[in-house]
Amino acid sequence: MKTLLSLLLISAFIVSCNNMGRQPTSEIDADALELLSPQTYVEHIKTLSSDAFQGRLPGSEGETKTIAYIKEQFQQAGLKPGNGDKYFQEVPLVEVKSIPDSSLTIEGEKGKLRLSYPADYVVGSRIQDKAIDIKDSELIFVGFGIVAPEYDWNDYKDIDVKGKTVVVMVNDPGYYDKSLFKGETMTYYGRWTYKYEEAARQGAAGVIIIHDTGAASYGWDVVRSGWTGPQMVLSSEGKGPELTAFEGWISTESAKKLFALAEIPEEFIESAKKPGFKAVDLKLQTTLHIQNKIKQYTSNNVLGKIEGSKRPDEVIIYSAHWDHLGIGEAIQGDSIYNGAIDNATGTAALLEMAKVFRAAAVPPERTILFLALTAEEQGLLGSEYYASHPVFSLDKTVADINIDALSAEGRTKDITIIGYGQSELDHYAEEAAEFQGRRLTQDPNPSSGAFFRSDHFNFAKVGVPALYAGSGTLYTDTSAVAKHKRSSFEGTYHSPNDEYNPENWEISGLMENLKFFIHIGYALSMETTFPTWKAGSEFKETGKKRFE
């Protein structure tokens, strides 16, 4: 009996130690939650995604209207300016509009291949020069274009690509062989941004990514819409990061023709997906001319805050990007990329949640910062700028809760955490889901690299625990009518069809997700501890350095 009692006491002591400094989750009061209005939420979405806002491109008239609207709504919700005495944080940008030749010619001893823009290829330059001229650049196939010592992988080993054009595959080896890298979960090495960065480090003149719908997780139409418009870079650091002279993509069909011209068999392409691959000179050359139109301007992040009642210097950030693609290539006569789902849903969420926190009977003890970010669609630039110029010190930033492209397809029994297993924020998400009678599920398509594709990533890169939740996939309504409504959202991503449609949008699920986010942020605001990165996370060491 004495032994059993001792064991019970030891167990209780261990549990107590594990929970030390962590208070029970606090719930925001029901009266405050009642302020969440589906009607008001929809009105925000309809306004932000209307044609009058012109697709919310940074630097356009659409930005002027958008940031004025967000500021006005923050003020009406009773939020204080989030950047000193200002609601805005200026983000200096350079817009580069690249106009390439209408065709790209690739030639070798066996003949020529002529690719049409933008049906077969897209290309641009973020270099701030008015003209880019590439003459007789040799094409080198470097597999995935990855240098990853921790995985014993180097696609650039024993080959010099300085001044040459590298041709690379999208994603990473784990997509094809689950025993490599992180298996089906894409690493940053698989992202197109990494491919461009590594090619620049290797001294390449240019880089061309081979598109593949499965490996990229989106179709050629998304590549076309994303690369035929202006590209933006931060201008705060001179001419920005190290870049190749040009960056681009070719379609799958064009890549097959290219390899056929180079007399490279399919078996060799397959070998690039396995360890031990060695890059190969394709014995092809290309000449390319790009005319750049350059415009420097200032865009804006919009910040509103509720000061913490006890620890105002500690902050929980709710982030959502307000921008979209503006006016671009017309599809079925419509050229305005309204961005209703992506990301008027997230921006409107900030406006609705602000009212709830402001009305809390017991105000949050830590500051809540509502951060509407610019230029996410242009490479997460607004969040990159905030992360390098934070208003609140990073060692006082508790977490970032990012809201991007919420689903309007109906209520779900689950909620998806993108990058589950990275930080202790998973525990808060579990509590919030359980409170709603839901459960957490992991990213159903981890090979898409979604964790690297939204603004929370820039907070993770500087060590701040970041949560990015999708809307779930286990729908409560499985009727034929509901399935038909959900099918209407297919193919709307980054297209002019991303518009509000009252016939197909189901708001109840959206409102449930807003309550989920509120639950997490309010719980964090009432505690004194800081969530940390989990063992095995690539951000754990950076997270530790925040407090040194």
Protein backbone atom coordinates (compact mmCIF):
# COMPACT_ATOMS: atom_id res chain seq x y z
CA MET A 1 0.00 0.00 0.00
CA LYS A 2 2.80 2.36 0.90
CA THR A 3 4.56 1.55 -2.39
CA LEU A 4 1.37 2.26 -4.38
CA LEU A 5 0.87 5.57 -2.56
CA SER A 6 4.47 6.55 -3.29
CA LEU A 7 3.99 5.80 -6.97
CA LEU A 8 0.83 7.90 -7.07
CA LEU A 9 2.59 10.82 -5.42
CA ILE A 10 5.52 10.57 -7.85
CA SER A 11 3.12 10.46 -10.81
CA ALA A 12 1.25 13.50 -9.54
CA PHE A 13 4.54 15.35 -9.06
CA ILE A 14 5.61 14.56 -12.66
CA VAL A 15 2.29 15.79 -14.08
CA SER A 16 2.57 18.91 -11.94
CA CYS A 17 6.09 19.58 -13.24
CA ASN A 18 5.04 19.03 -16.84
CA ASN A 19 2.23 21.59 -16.46
CA MET A 20 4.22 24.04 -14.35
CA GLY A 21 3.69 27.61 -15.55
CA ARG A 22 0.82 26.54 -17.80
CA GLN A 23 -2.56 27.69 -16.57
CA PRO A 24 -5.77 25.94 -17.57
CA THR A 25 -7.11 27.08 -20.93
CA SER A 26 -9.24 30.19 -20.50
CA GLU A 27 -12.37 30.60 -22.60
CA ILE A 28 -13.49 33.93 -23.95
CA ASP A 29 -16.99 34.77 -22.73
CA ALA A 30 -20.08 33.83 -24.72
CA ASP A 31 -21.30 37.42 -25.00
CA ALA A 32 -18.11 38.41 -26.82
CA LEU A 33 -18.38 35.41 -29.14
CA GLU A 34 -21.92 36.45 -30.00
CA LEU A 35 -20.42 39.43 -31.83
CA LEU A 36 -19.19 37.09 -34.56
CA SER A 37 -21.62 37.91 -37.34
CA PRO A 38 -21.91 35.75 -40.49
CA GLN A 39 -23.63 38.65 -42.23
CA THR A 40 -20.89 41.15 -41.42
CA TYR A 41 -18.20 38.62 -42.26
CA VAL A 42 -19.73 38.04 -45.68
CA GLU A 43 -20.05 41.79 -46.29
CA HIS A 44 -16.32 42.22 -45.61
CA ILE A 45 -15.55 39.44 -48.09
CA LYS A 46 -17.88 40.84 -50.73
CA THR A 47 -16.32 44.29 -50.38
CA LEU A 48 -12.70 43.18 -50.42
CA SER A 49 -13.21 40.84 -53.39
CA SER A 50 -15.39 43.18 -55.42
CA ASP A 51 -14.31 44.42 -58.84
CA ALA A 52 -13.97 47.89 -57.32
CA PHE A 53 -10.89 46.65 -55.40
CA GLN A 54 -9.32 45.46 -58.68
CA GLY A 55 -7.82 42.25 -57.29
CA ARG A 56 -5.91 44.03 -54.48
CA LEU A 57 -2.52 44.18 -56.18
CA PRO A 58 0.13 45.93 -54.03
CA GLY A 59 0.99 49.37 -55.37
CA SER A 60 -2.25 49.74 -57.30
CA GLU A 61 -5.44 51.68 -56.73
CA GLY A 62 -6.71 48.40 -55.33
CA GLU A 63 -4.18 48.63 -52.49
CA THR A 64 -5.21 52.18 -51.66
CA LYS A 65 -8.83 51.09 -51.26
CA THR A 66 -7.95 47.90 -49.41
CA ILE A 67 -5.68 49.31 -46.71
CA ALA A 68 -8.03 52.26 -46.14
CA TYR A 69 -10.88 49.81 -45.62
CA ILE A 70 -8.90 47.64 -43.19
CA LYS A 71 -7.74 50.67 -41.20
CA GLU A 72 -11.30 52.00 -40.98
CA GLN A 73 -12.61 48.64 -39.76
CA PHE A 74 -9.80 48.35 -37.19
CA GLN A 75 -10.73 51.78 -35.87
CA GLN A 76 -14.41 50.89 -35.72
CA ALA A 77 -13.54 47.74 -33.78
CA GLY A 78 -11.67 49.89 -31.24
CA LEU A 79 -8.17 48.71 -32.10
CA LYS A 80 -5.24 50.98 -31.39
CA PRO A 81 -2.57 51.65 -34.05
CA GLY A 82 -0.26 48.64 -34.13
CA ASN A 83 2.92 50.43 -35.21
CA GLY A 84 3.52 53.18 -32.69
CA ASP A 85 0.94 55.83 -33.54
CA LYS A 86 0.37 54.40 -37.04
CA TYR A 87 -1.84 51.70 -38.47
CA PHE A 88 0.58 51.17 -41.37
CA GLN A 89 4.04 49.71 -41.73
CA GLU A 90 5.62 50.81 -44.98
CA VAL A 91 7.11 47.99 -47.07
CA PRO A 92 9.48 49.21 -49.83
CA LEU A 93 9.09 47.14 -52.98
CA VAL A 94 10.44 46.99 -56.48
CA GLU A 95 8.08 45.80 -59.19
CA VAL A 96 9.71 44.20 -62.21
CA LYS A 97 7.47 43.60 -65.21
CA SER A 98 9.32 41.24 -67.53
CA ILE A 99 8.47 41.10 -71.21
CA PRO A 100 10.32 38.14 -72.78
CA ASP A 101 10.51 37.20 -76.42
CA SER A 102 7.34 35.65 -77.79
CA SER A 103 9.28 32.46 -78.40
CA LEU A 104 12.22 30.70 -76.80
CA THR A 105 14.60 28.88 -79.15
CA ILE A 106 16.69 25.98 -77.88
CA GLU A 107 19.13 24.46 -80.32
CA GLY A 108 21.77 21.80 -80.60
CA GLU A 109 23.50 19.65 -83.18
CA LYS A 110 20.29 17.70 -83.86
CA GLY A 111 18.07 20.70 -84.53
CA LYS A 112 15.98 23.40 -82.88
CA LEU A 113 13.08 23.56 -80.46
CA ARG A 114 10.89 26.66 -80.46
CA LEU A 115 8.66 27.24 -77.41
CA SER A 116 5.82 29.76 -77.32
CA TYR A 117 5.18 32.21 -74.49
CA PRO A 118 3.19 31.63 -72.30
CA ALA A 119 1.69 28.39 -73.64
CA ASP A 120 4.97 26.44 -73.42
CA TYR A 121 7.17 28.53 -71.19
CA VAL A 122 7.10 31.47 -68.81
CA VAL A 123 10.15 33.43 -67.81
CA GLY A 124 10.99 36.61 -65.98
CA SER A 125 13.68 38.43 -64.07
CA ARG A 126 13.80 40.01 -60.65
CA ILE A 127 17.07 41.74 -61.49
CA GLN A 128 16.58 45.49 -61.46
CA ASP A 129 18.02 46.02 -64.94
CA LYS A 130 16.03 47.32 -67.90
CA ALA A 131 17.21 44.60 -70.25
CA ILE A 132 18.41 41.03 -69.78
CA ASP A 133 20.35 39.44 -72.65
CA ILE A 134 21.44 35.82 -72.49
CA LYS A 135 23.38 34.54 -75.50
CA ASP A 136 24.17 30.92 -76.30
CA SER A 137 23.76 29.82 -72.70
CA GLU A 138 24.48 26.12 -72.22
CA LEU A 139 21.71 24.04 -70.66
CA ILE A 140 22.66 21.74 -67.79
CA PHE A 141 20.20 19.24 -66.28
CA VAL A 142 20.83 19.12 -62.52
CA GLY A 143 18.00 16.88 -61.36
CA PHE A 144 16.21 18.52 -58.45
CA GLY A 145 18.84 21.24 -58.15
CA ILE A 146 19.35 20.44 -54.46
CA VAL A 147 22.38 20.69 -52.18
CA ALA A 148 21.42 19.06 -48.86
CA PRO A 149 24.38 17.76 -46.83
CA GLU A 150 22.14 16.39 -44.07
CA TYR A 151 20.54 14.08 -46.64
CA ASP A 152 23.84 13.34 -48.41
CA TRP A 153 22.47 14.88 -51.61
CA ASN A 154 24.26 17.24 -54.00
CA ASP A 155 22.91 17.66 -57.52
CA TYR A 156 25.63 20.20 -58.33
CA LYS A 157 28.54 17.96 -57.41
CA ASP A 158 31.43 17.94 -59.89
CA ILE A 159 29.80 20.29 -62.38
CA ASP A 160 30.37 23.99 -62.99
CA VAL A 161 27.20 25.88 -63.93
CA LYS A 162 28.58 29.42 -63.74
CA GLY A 163 27.06 31.48 -66.53
CA LYS A 164 24.93 28.56 -67.69
CA THR A 165 21.23 27.75 -67.54
CA VAL A 166 20.18 24.94 -65.21
CA VAL A 167 17.12 22.79 -65.83
CA VAL A 168 15.59 21.36 -62.64
CA MET A 169 12.68 19.21 -61.51
CA VAL A 170 10.10 20.46 -59.05
CA ASN A 171 9.65 19.02 -55.51
CA ASP A 172 12.26 16.80 -53.82
CA PRO A 173 13.27 13.10 -53.96
CA GLY A 174 10.87 12.14 -51.16
CA TYR A 175 7.94 12.71 -53.49
CA TYR A 176 9.06 9.70 -55.54
CA ASP A 177 10.75 7.56 -52.88
CA LYS A 178 9.30 7.73 -49.36
CA SER A 179 12.61 6.56 -47.89
CA LEU A 180 14.36 9.76 -49.03
CA PHE A 181 14.34 13.18 -47.31
CA LYS A 182 11.07 13.43 -45.32
CA GLY A 183 9.15 11.10 -47.57
CA GLU A 184 5.83 12.47 -48.76
CA THR A 185 6.27 15.61 -46.66
CA MET A 186 8.00 18.17 -48.86
CA THR A 187 11.07 19.86 -47.43
CA TYR A 188 12.03 23.42 -48.30
CA TYR A 189 14.42 21.90 -50.84
CA GLY A 190 11.37 21.05 -52.93
CA ARG A 191 10.04 24.59 -53.18
CA TRP A 192 10.57 26.54 -56.38
CA THR A 193 11.93 29.44 -54.34
CA TYR A 194 14.75 27.21 -53.10
CA LYS A 195 15.54 26.08 -56.66
CA TYR A 196 16.06 29.70 -57.69
CA GLU A 197 18.10 30.51 -54.59
CA GLU A 198 20.43 27.53 -55.00
CA ALA A 199 20.95 28.16 -58.72
CA ALA A 200 22.00 31.71 -57.87
CA ARG A 201 24.43 30.45 -55.21
CA GLN A 202 25.93 28.15 -57.83
CA GLY A 203 26.48 31.09 -60.19
CA ALA A 204 23.99 30.05 -62.88
CA ALA A 205 22.82 32.62 -65.41
CA GLY A 206 19.32 31.25 -65.36
CA VAL A 207 17.12 28.46 -64.06
CA ILE A 208 14.20 26.67 -65.71
CA ILE A 209 11.89 24.46 -63.64
CA ILE A 210 10.11 21.55 -65.31
CA HIS A 211 6.46 21.77 -64.39
CA ASP A 212 4.63 18.65 -63.24
CA THR A 213 1.07 19.00 -61.94
CA GLY A 214 1.38 16.25 -59.36
CA ALA A 215 4.78 17.20 -57.98
CA ALA A 216 3.98 20.92 -57.98
CA SER A 217 0.42 20.38 -56.66
CA TYR A 218 -1.00 22.89 -59.15
CA GLY A 219 -1.54 23.05 -62.89
CA TRP A 220 0.19 24.96 -65.65
CA ASP A 221 -2.57 27.61 -65.55
CA VAL A 222 -1.39 28.62 -62.06
CA VAL A 223 2.19 28.98 -63.30
CA ARG A 224 1.02 31.09 -66.23
CA SER A 225 -1.09 33.44 -64.12
CA GLY A 226 1.65 33.79 -61.52
CA TRP A 227 4.52 34.51 -63.91
CA THR A 228 2.96 36.56 -66.69
CA GLY A 229 2.36 39.53 -64.41
CA PRO A 230 4.75 41.82 -62.52
CA GLN A 231 7.12 40.25 -59.96
CA MET A 232 8.08 42.01 -56.76
CA VAL A 233 11.10 42.01 -54.49
CA LEU A 234 11.90 43.88 -51.32
CA SER A 235 14.04 46.91 -52.00
CA SER A 236 15.11 47.58 -48.43
CA GLU A 237 18.37 45.72 -48.89
CA GLY A 238 19.63 47.36 -52.06
CA LYS A 239 18.80 45.11 -54.99
CA GLY A 240 17.44 42.31 -52.87
CA PRO A 241 18.78 38.75 -52.55
CA GLU A 242 21.28 37.14 -54.87
CA LEU A 243 19.43 36.24 -58.05
CA THR A 244 20.02 34.58 -61.39
CA ALA A 245 19.53 36.78 -64.44
CA PHE A 246 16.31 34.99 -65.29
CA GLU A 247 13.93 32.47 -63.74
CA GLY A 248 11.26 30.44 -65.45
CA TRP A 249 9.25 27.30 -66.05
CA ILE A 250 8.57 25.01 -68.99
CA SER A 251 5.56 22.73 -69.38
CA THR A 252 5.83 18.96 -69.06
CA GLU A 253 5.26 18.52 -72.79
CA SER A 254 7.99 21.06 -73.60
CA ALA A 255 10.42 19.29 -71.28
CA LYS A 256 9.82 16.00 -73.09
CA LYS A 257 10.64 17.69 -76.41
CA LEU A 258 13.75 19.26 -74.88
CA PHE A 259 15.09 15.92 -73.62
CA ALA A 260 14.25 14.29 -76.95
CA LEU A 261 16.31 16.94 -78.76
CA ALA A 262 19.17 16.30 -76.32
CA GLU A 263 18.77 12.54 -76.89
CA ILE A 264 18.36 11.97 -73.16
CA PRO A 265 16.36 8.76 -72.54
CA GLU A 266 13.52 8.51 -70.04
CA GLU A 267 15.58 6.11 -67.91
CA PHE A 268 18.15 8.84 -67.31
CA ILE A 269 15.47 11.26 -66.10
CA GLU A 270 14.27 8.61 -63.66
CA SER A 271 17.83 8.19 -62.35
CA ALA A 272 17.76 11.84 -61.22
CA LYS A 273 15.19 10.83 -58.59
CA LYS A 274 17.65 8.45 -56.92
CA PRO A 275 20.85 8.90 -54.88
CA GLY A 276 24.06 9.12 -56.86
CA PHE A 277 22.68 11.09 -59.80
CA LYS A 278 25.23 13.21 -61.65
CA ALA A 279 24.25 16.34 -63.56
CA VAL A 280 24.62 16.28 -67.34
CA ASP A 281 25.35 18.84 -70.02
CA LEU A 282 22.44 18.64 -72.46
CA LYS A 283 24.61 19.93 -75.33
CA LEU A 284 21.94 22.54 -76.03
CA GLN A 285 22.06 26.33 -75.97
CA THR A 286 19.50 29.07 -75.67
CA THR A 287 19.46 32.78 -76.35
CA LEU A 288 17.00 34.93 -74.47
CA HIS A 289 16.07 38.60 -74.35
CA ILE A 290 13.89 40.11 -71.62
CA GLN A 291 12.80 43.71 -71.43
CA ASN A 292 12.09 44.86 -67.88
CA LYS A 293 9.85 47.68 -66.76
CA ILE A 294 10.92 48.71 -63.26
CA LYS A 295 8.88 50.61 -60.73
CA GLN A 296 9.84 51.37 -57.14
CA TYR A 297 7.08 52.08 -54.68
CA THR A 298 5.92 51.57 -51.14
CA SER A 299 3.24 49.12 -50.10
CA ASN A 300 1.82 48.67 -46.60
CA ASN A 301 1.18 46.15 -43.89
CA VAL A 302 -1.81 47.17 -41.76
CA LEU A 303 -1.56 46.70 -37.98
CA GLY A 304 -4.13 47.10 -35.22
CA LYS A 305 -3.74 45.98 -31.62
CA ILE A 306 -5.47 45.33 -28.34
CA GLU A 307 -2.98 46.02 -25.59
CA GLY A 308 -2.52 43.30 -23.01
CA SER A 309 -3.90 44.08 -19.56
CA LYS A 310 -0.89 42.63 -17.70
CA ARG A 311 1.92 41.91 -20.17
CA PRO A 312 1.47 44.40 -23.03
CA ASP A 313 5.03 43.89 -24.32
CA GLU A 314 4.25 40.23 -25.10
CA VAL A 315 2.26 39.67 -28.27
CA ILE A 316 0.20 37.06 -30.06
CA ILE A 317 -0.04 37.81 -33.79
CA TYR A 318 -2.98 36.99 -36.01
CA SER A 319 -1.77 37.34 -39.60
CA ALA A 320 -3.55 37.25 -42.94
CA HIS A 321 -2.47 38.65 -46.29
CA TRP A 322 -4.76 41.25 -47.84
CA ASP A 323 -3.25 41.16 -51.35
CA HIS A 324 -4.08 39.14 -54.43
CA LEU A 325 -3.04 39.14 -58.10
CA GLY A 326 -4.75 42.30 -59.37
CA ILE A 327 -5.71 42.49 -63.03
CA GLY A 328 -4.08 39.91 -65.29
CA GLU A 329 -4.61 37.56 -68.18
CA ALA A 330 -8.30 37.37 -69.13
CA ILE A 331 -10.01 34.00 -68.73
CA GLN A 332 -13.42 33.75 -70.36
CA GLY A 333 -13.53 37.52 -70.61
CA ASP A 334 -12.74 38.23 -66.94
CA SER A 335 -9.34 39.71 -66.06
CA ILE A 336 -9.89 40.70 -62.40
CA TYR A 337 -8.42 38.17 -59.96
CA ASN A 338 -10.79 38.97 -57.08
CA GLY A 339 -9.30 36.64 -54.46
CA ALA A 340 -12.43 35.97 -52.41
CA ILE A 341 -11.19 32.73 -50.83
CA ASP A 342 -7.54 33.74 -51.23
CA ASN A 343 -7.52 35.77 -49.08
CA ALA A 344 -10.53 37.96 -48.43
CA THR A 345 -11.65 35.15 -46.09
CA GLY A 346 -8.53 35.62 -43.95
CA THR A 347 -8.56 39.42 -44.01
CA ALA A 348 -12.24 39.50 -43.08
CA ALA A 349 -11.48 37.05 -40.27
CA LEU A 350 -9.09 39.58 -38.70
CA LEU A 351 -11.83 42.21 -38.77
CA GLU A 352 -14.42 39.94 -37.18
CA MET A 353 -12.12 38.47 -34.53
CA ALA A 354 -10.93 41.93 -33.52
CA LYS A 355 -14.47 42.78 -32.37
CA VAL A 356 -14.60 39.67 -30.20
CA PHE A 357 -11.28 40.26 -28.45
CA ARG A 358 -12.11 43.92 -27.92
CA ALA A 359 -15.38 42.97 -26.21
CA ALA A 360 -13.97 40.24 -23.95
CA ALA A 361 -15.29 40.56 -20.41
CA VAL A 362 -11.84 39.53 -19.18
CA PRO A 363 -9.42 41.27 -21.54
CA PRO A 364 -6.38 39.39 -22.85
CA GLU A 365 -3.36 39.73 -20.60
CA ARG A 366 -0.99 39.78 -23.57
CA THR A 367 -1.27 42.09 -26.55
CA ILE A 368 -3.18 40.81 -29.57
CA LEU A 369 -1.81 42.17 -32.86
CA PHE A 370 -3.95 41.89 -35.98
CA LEU A 371 -1.54 42.02 -38.90
CA ALA A 372 -2.85 42.34 -42.46
CA LEU A 373 0.14 41.67 -44.71
CA THR A 374 1.03 42.82 -48.18
CA ALA A 375 2.65 41.00 -51.11
CA GLU A 376 2.14 37.41 -49.95
CA GLU A 377 1.33 36.41 -53.51
CA GLN A 378 4.62 37.93 -54.63
CA GLY A 379 6.77 35.75 -52.38
CA LEU A 380 5.64 36.39 -48.78
CA LEU A 381 7.25 39.83 -48.90
CA GLY A 382 5.11 41.65 -46.35
CA SER A 383 5.73 39.03 -43.69
CA GLU A 384 9.40 38.86 -44.63
CA TYR A 385 9.67 42.59 -44.08
CA TYR A 386 7.83 42.45 -40.74
CA ALA A 387 9.99 39.52 -39.55
CA SER A 388 13.15 41.53 -40.29
CA HIS A 389 11.65 44.81 -38.97
CA PRO A 390 9.39 43.62 -36.12
CA VAL A 391 7.29 46.12 -34.22
CA PHE A 392 7.36 43.81 -31.19
CA SER A 393 10.66 42.20 -30.25
CA LEU A 394 10.89 38.62 -31.49
CA ASP A 395 11.77 37.36 -28.01
CA LYS A 396 8.46 38.83 -26.82
CA THR A 397 6.45 37.39 -29.71
CA VAL A 398 4.59 34.38 -28.37
CA ALA A 399 3.21 32.95 -31.62
CA ASP A 400 1.88 33.70 -35.07
CA ILE A 401 -1.54 32.32 -35.99
CA ASN A 402 -1.86 32.60 -39.74
CA ILE A 403 -5.18 32.61 -41.59
CA ASP A 404 -5.03 32.03 -45.32
CA ALA A 405 -7.66 30.89 -47.81
CA LEU A 406 -10.33 29.45 -45.52
CA SER A 407 -12.69 26.97 -47.11
CA ALA A 408 -16.30 27.98 -47.82
CA GLU A 409 -17.30 24.40 -48.62
CA GLY A 410 -19.14 23.69 -45.36
CA ARG A 411 -18.65 22.43 -41.82
CA THR A 412 -16.17 19.66 -41.11
CA LYS A 413 -15.63 17.13 -38.34
CA ASP A 414 -11.92 17.92 -38.41
CA ILE A 415 -9.47 20.76 -38.91
CA THR A 416 -6.21 20.33 -40.76
CA ILE A 417 -2.90 21.52 -39.32
CA ILE A 418 -0.31 22.25 -41.98
CA GLY A 419 3.10 21.28 -40.61
CA TYR A 420 1.70 19.29 -37.68
CA GLY A 421 4.44 18.22 -35.29
CA GLN A 422 6.52 21.37 -35.58
CA SER A 423 5.67 23.14 -32.31
CA GLU A 424 3.71 23.05 -29.07
CA LEU A 425 1.01 25.10 -30.77
CA ASP A 426 -0.32 21.72 -31.87
CA HIS A 427 -1.47 21.18 -28.27
CA TYR A 428 -3.47 24.42 -28.29
CA ALA A 429 -5.02 23.43 -31.60
CA GLU A 430 -5.96 20.04 -30.15
CA GLU A 431 -7.69 21.72 -27.21
CA ALA A 432 -9.57 24.11 -29.47
CA ALA A 433 -10.68 21.32 -31.79
CA GLU A 434 -11.77 19.12 -28.88
CA PHE A 435 -13.75 22.03 -27.44
CA GLN A 436 -15.69 22.15 -30.72
CA GLY A 437 -16.16 18.40 -30.88
CA ARG A 438 -13.74 18.15 -33.78
CA ARG A 439 -10.40 16.47 -34.25
CA LEU A 440 -7.12 17.42 -35.83
CA THR A 441 -5.92 15.89 -39.08
CA GLN A 442 -2.61 16.33 -40.80
CA ASP A 443 -2.07 17.84 -44.23
CA PRO A 444 -3.66 15.42 -46.73
CA ASN A 445 -1.15 16.53 -49.36
CA PRO A 446 2.15 17.04 -47.51
CA SER A 447 4.11 16.82 -50.76
CA SER A 448 2.69 20.19 -51.83
CA GLY A 449 4.97 22.02 -49.36
CA ALA A 450 2.09 24.13 -48.04
CA PHE A 451 4.03 24.93 -44.85
CA PHE A 452 6.42 27.04 -46.95
CA ARG A 453 3.74 28.79 -48.97
CA SER A 454 2.12 31.25 -46.60
CA ASP A 455 3.15 34.08 -44.30
CA HIS A 456 3.61 32.04 -41.13
CA PHE A 457 6.77 30.60 -42.73
CA ASN A 458 8.66 33.87 -42.32
CA PHE A 459 7.85 33.89 -38.60
CA ALA A 460 9.04 30.28 -38.33
CA LYS A 461 12.29 31.21 -40.07
CA VAL A 462 13.08 33.70 -37.30
CA GLY A 463 12.13 31.23 -34.57
CA VAL A 464 8.58 32.30 -33.69
CA PRO A 465 6.24 29.30 -33.32
CA ALA A 466 3.70 29.55 -36.10
CA LEU A 467 0.37 27.82 -36.66
CA TYR A 468 -1.24 27.40 -40.06
CA ALA A 469 -4.55 25.57 -40.11
CA GLY A 470 -6.64 24.51 -43.05
CA SER A 471 -10.37 24.00 -42.81
CA GLY A 472 -10.67 20.24 -42.67
CA THR A 473 -11.75 17.60 -45.17
CA LEU A 474 -14.33 15.43 -43.33
CA TYR A 475 -17.52 17.25 -44.28
CA THR A 476 -20.58 16.88 -42.08
CA ASP A 477 -22.92 17.27 -45.06
CA THR A 478 -22.28 14.45 -47.52
CA SER A 479 -25.43 14.94 -49.58
CA ALA A 480 -25.33 15.12 -53.37
CA VAL A 481 -26.35 18.78 -53.22
CA ALA A 482 -23.47 19.62 -50.87
CA LYS A 483 -20.99 17.70 -53.02
CA HIS A 484 -22.17 19.58 -56.09
CA LYS A 485 -21.65 22.91 -54.31
CA ARG A 486 -18.15 21.88 -53.24
CA SER A 487 -17.25 20.90 -56.78
CA SER A 488 -17.86 24.51 -57.87
CA PHE A 489 -14.64 25.54 -56.09
CA GLU A 490 -12.46 23.30 -58.25
CA GLY A 491 -10.14 25.27 -60.51
CA THR A 492 -10.83 28.63 -58.89
CA TYR A 493 -7.43 28.97 -57.18
CA HIS A 494 -5.55 31.97 -58.58
CA SER A 495 -8.15 32.51 -61.27
CA PRO A 496 -10.76 35.23 -61.90
CA ASN A 497 -13.36 32.70 -60.72
CA ASP A 498 -12.29 33.10 -57.09
CA GLU A 499 -15.35 35.23 -56.35
CA TYR A 500 -18.07 35.25 -53.72
CA ASN A 501 -21.07 33.20 -54.82
CA PRO A 502 -23.98 33.06 -52.35
CA GLU A 503 -25.38 29.96 -54.04
CA ASN A 504 -22.30 27.82 -53.29
CA TRP A 505 -20.68 29.36 -50.23
CA GLU A 506 -21.42 27.72 -46.86
CA ILE A 507 -20.67 30.21 -44.09
CA SER A 508 -21.31 28.00 -41.04
CA GLY A 509 -17.98 26.20 -41.40
CA LEU A 510 -16.12 29.48 -41.78
CA MET A 511 -17.59 30.84 -38.56
CA GLU A 512 -16.67 27.64 -36.72
CA ASN A 513 -13.07 28.06 -37.86
CA LEU A 514 -12.98 31.66 -36.63
CA LYS A 515 -14.01 30.42 -33.18
CA PHE A 516 -11.23 27.82 -33.37
CA PHE A 517 -8.63 30.56 -33.99
CA ILE A 518 -10.07 32.76 -31.23
CA HIS A 519 -9.88 29.89 -28.73
CA ILE A 520 -6.16 29.39 -29.39
CA GLY A 521 -5.17 33.05 -29.28
CA TYR A 522 -7.15 33.82 -26.15
CA ALA A 523 -5.69 30.81 -24.32
CA LEU A 524 -2.18 31.95 -25.22
CA SER A 525 -2.94 35.49 -24.13
CA MET A 526 -3.86 34.39 -20.60
CA GLU A 527 -0.67 32.42 -19.95
CA THR A 528 2.84 33.33 -18.87
CA THR A 529 4.74 30.61 -20.75
CA PHE A 530 5.98 30.62 -24.33
CA PRO A 531 5.26 27.65 -26.64
CA THR A 532 8.40 26.09 -28.08
CA TRP A 533 9.44 24.14 -31.15
CA LYS A 534 9.41 20.37 -30.85
CA ALA A 535 12.45 18.13 -31.09
CA GLY A 536 13.25 17.41 -34.72
CA SER A 537 11.88 20.69 -36.02
CA GLU A 538 14.27 22.55 -38.30
CA PHE A 539 13.27 25.76 -36.47
CA LYS A 540 14.07 24.62 -32.92
CA GLU A 541 17.59 26.03 -32.73
CA THR A 542 16.53 29.36 -34.23
CA GLY A 543 13.71 29.47 -31.70
CA LYS A 544 16.18 29.05 -28.85
CA LYS A 545 18.39 31.85 -30.17
CA ARG A 546 15.51 34.34 -29.88
CA PHE A 547 15.96 34.34 -26.11
CA GLU A 548 19.77 34.48 -26.00
